[in-house]
């Protein structure tokens, strides 16, 4: 699992520098009740497991790579917050990941 970690609840992308920060921030009841999705910076899908109120983010051995889906979400999020759409569309994967570090939740 390669940080940063991206957690998406439709229309809201949260970016965390580490898995541990994401786990501290997320609330189990909310993640359970809504459609949350997660990826690492390679675009590998991650999953959630719950221990009471605690959320743990895990990666299964057979996790899919969904880089294109995550890229679309990152680009749309960046455009929504005012980043130049042309830059977003022309940015490499690595540039998008690097730029996302400017918007992490601590």
Protein backbone atom coordinates (compact mmCIF):
# COMPACT_ATOMS: atom_id res chain seq x y z
CA UNK A 1 0.00 0.00 0.00
CA UNK A 2 1.65 3.18 -1.22
CA UNK A 3 0.60 6.55 0.23
CA UNK A 4 -1.05 8.92 -0.11
CA UNK A 5 -4.39 7.25 0.55
CA UNK A 6 -7.49 8.45 -1.30
CA UNK A 7 -10.92 7.95 0.28
CA UNK A 8 -13.96 8.80 -1.80
CA UNK A 9 -17.56 9.19 -0.81
CA UNK A 10 -19.33 10.28 -3.99
CA UNK A 11 -18.73 13.98 -4.52
CA UNK A 12 -16.13 14.17 -1.74
CA UNK A 13 -12.51 13.09 -2.11
CA UNK A 14 -10.35 12.97 1.01
CA UNK A 15 -6.59 12.63 0.72
CA UNK A 16 -4.38 11.41 3.56
CA UNK A 17 -0.58 11.30 3.74
CA UNK A 18 -0.71 7.93 5.50
CA UNK A 19 -3.01 5.00 6.08
CA UNK A 20 -2.84 5.68 9.82
CA UNK A 21 -4.08 9.27 9.41
CA UNK A 22 -6.98 8.05 7.29
CA UNK A 23 -7.89 5.42 9.87
CA UNK A 24 -7.85 8.01 12.69
CA UNK A 25 -10.00 10.44 10.71
CA UNK A 26 -12.69 8.06 9.43
CA UNK A 27 -15.67 7.16 11.58
CA UNK A 28 -16.77 3.52 11.37
CA UNK A 29 -20.51 4.25 11.56
CA UNK A 30 -20.34 6.69 8.65
CA UNK A 31 -18.09 4.54 6.47
CA UNK A 32 -20.38 1.53 7.08
CA UNK A 33 -23.54 3.45 6.20
CA UNK A 34 -22.36 5.13 2.99
CA UNK A 35 -20.59 4.13 -0.20
CA UNK A 36 -16.95 4.84 0.61
CA UNK A 37 -14.15 3.76 -1.72
CA UNK A 38 -10.40 3.86 -1.17
CA UNK A 39 -7.21 3.62 -3.23
CA UNK A 40 -3.53 4.02 -2.69
CA UNK A 41 -1.33 6.17 -4.90
CA UNK A 42 -0.85 3.32 -7.38
CA UNK A 43 -4.63 3.20 -7.92
CA UNK A 44 -4.90 -0.10 -6.06
CA UNK A 45 -8.31 -0.58 -4.46
CA UNK A 46 -8.36 -0.75 -0.69
CA UNK A 47 -11.06 -2.00 1.63
CA UNK A 48 -12.33 -1.21 5.10
CA UNK A 49 -12.73 -3.52 8.06
CA UNK A 50 -14.29 -2.50 11.34
CA UNK A 51 -13.52 -3.23 14.97
CA UNK A 52 -16.17 -1.44 16.98
CA UNK A 53 -15.73 2.25 16.17
CA UNK A 54 -12.30 1.68 14.65
CA UNK A 55 -11.75 1.66 10.88
CA UNK A 56 -8.84 -0.27 9.39
CA UNK A 57 -7.83 0.15 5.76
CA UNK A 58 -6.51 -3.02 4.15
CA UNK A 59 -5.34 -4.23 0.78
CA UNK A 60 -6.28 -7.71 -0.38
CA UNK A 61 -3.81 -9.76 -2.40
CA UNK A 62 -6.23 -9.76 -5.34
CA UNK A 63 -7.05 -6.03 -5.16
CA UNK A 64 -7.77 -4.41 -8.52
CA UNK A 65 -5.87 -1.51 -10.00
CA UNK A 66 -8.36 1.26 -10.84
CA UNK A 67 -5.97 4.02 -11.83
CA UNK A 68 -8.28 5.46 -14.51
CA UNK A 69 -11.23 5.68 -12.12
CA UNK A 70 -9.14 7.37 -9.44
CA UNK A 71 -7.59 9.71 -12.01
CA UNK A 72 -11.06 10.86 -13.12
CA UNK A 73 -12.05 11.51 -9.50
CA UNK A 74 -8.84 13.45 -8.76
CA UNK A 75 -9.21 15.55 -11.92
CA UNK A 76 -12.86 16.36 -11.22
CA UNK A 77 -12.04 17.27 -7.62
CA UNK A 78 -9.18 19.52 -8.70
CA UNK A 79 -11.35 21.27 -11.29
CA UNK A 80 -14.10 21.74 -8.68
CA UNK A 81 -11.67 23.50 -6.33
CA UNK A 82 -10.39 25.82 -9.05
CA UNK A 83 -7.31 24.14 -10.48
CA UNK A 84 -6.88 24.87 -14.19
CA UNK A 85 -8.80 22.19 -16.13
CA UNK A 86 -6.20 22.17 -18.91
CA UNK A 87 -3.43 21.48 -16.39
CA UNK A 88 -5.52 18.68 -14.88
CA UNK A 89 -6.21 17.02 -18.21
CA UNK A 90 -2.55 17.23 -19.29
CA UNK A 91 -0.97 16.24 -15.97
CA UNK A 92 0.78 12.91 -15.66
CA UNK A 93 -0.28 10.42 -13.02
CA UNK A 94 2.78 11.34 -10.97
CA UNK A 95 1.97 15.07 -11.20
CA UNK A 96 -1.61 14.47 -10.03
CA UNK A 97 -0.41 12.40 -7.08
CA UNK A 98 2.21 15.00 -6.16
CA UNK A 99 -0.35 17.84 -6.42
CA UNK A 100 -2.80 15.88 -4.26
CA UNK A 101 -0.33 16.16 -1.36
CA UNK A 102 -1.20 19.88 -1.25
CA UNK A 103 -4.75 18.91 -0.19
CA UNK A 104 -4.22 16.25 2.46
CA UNK A 105 -6.32 16.04 5.61
CA UNK A 106 -4.29 15.96 8.79
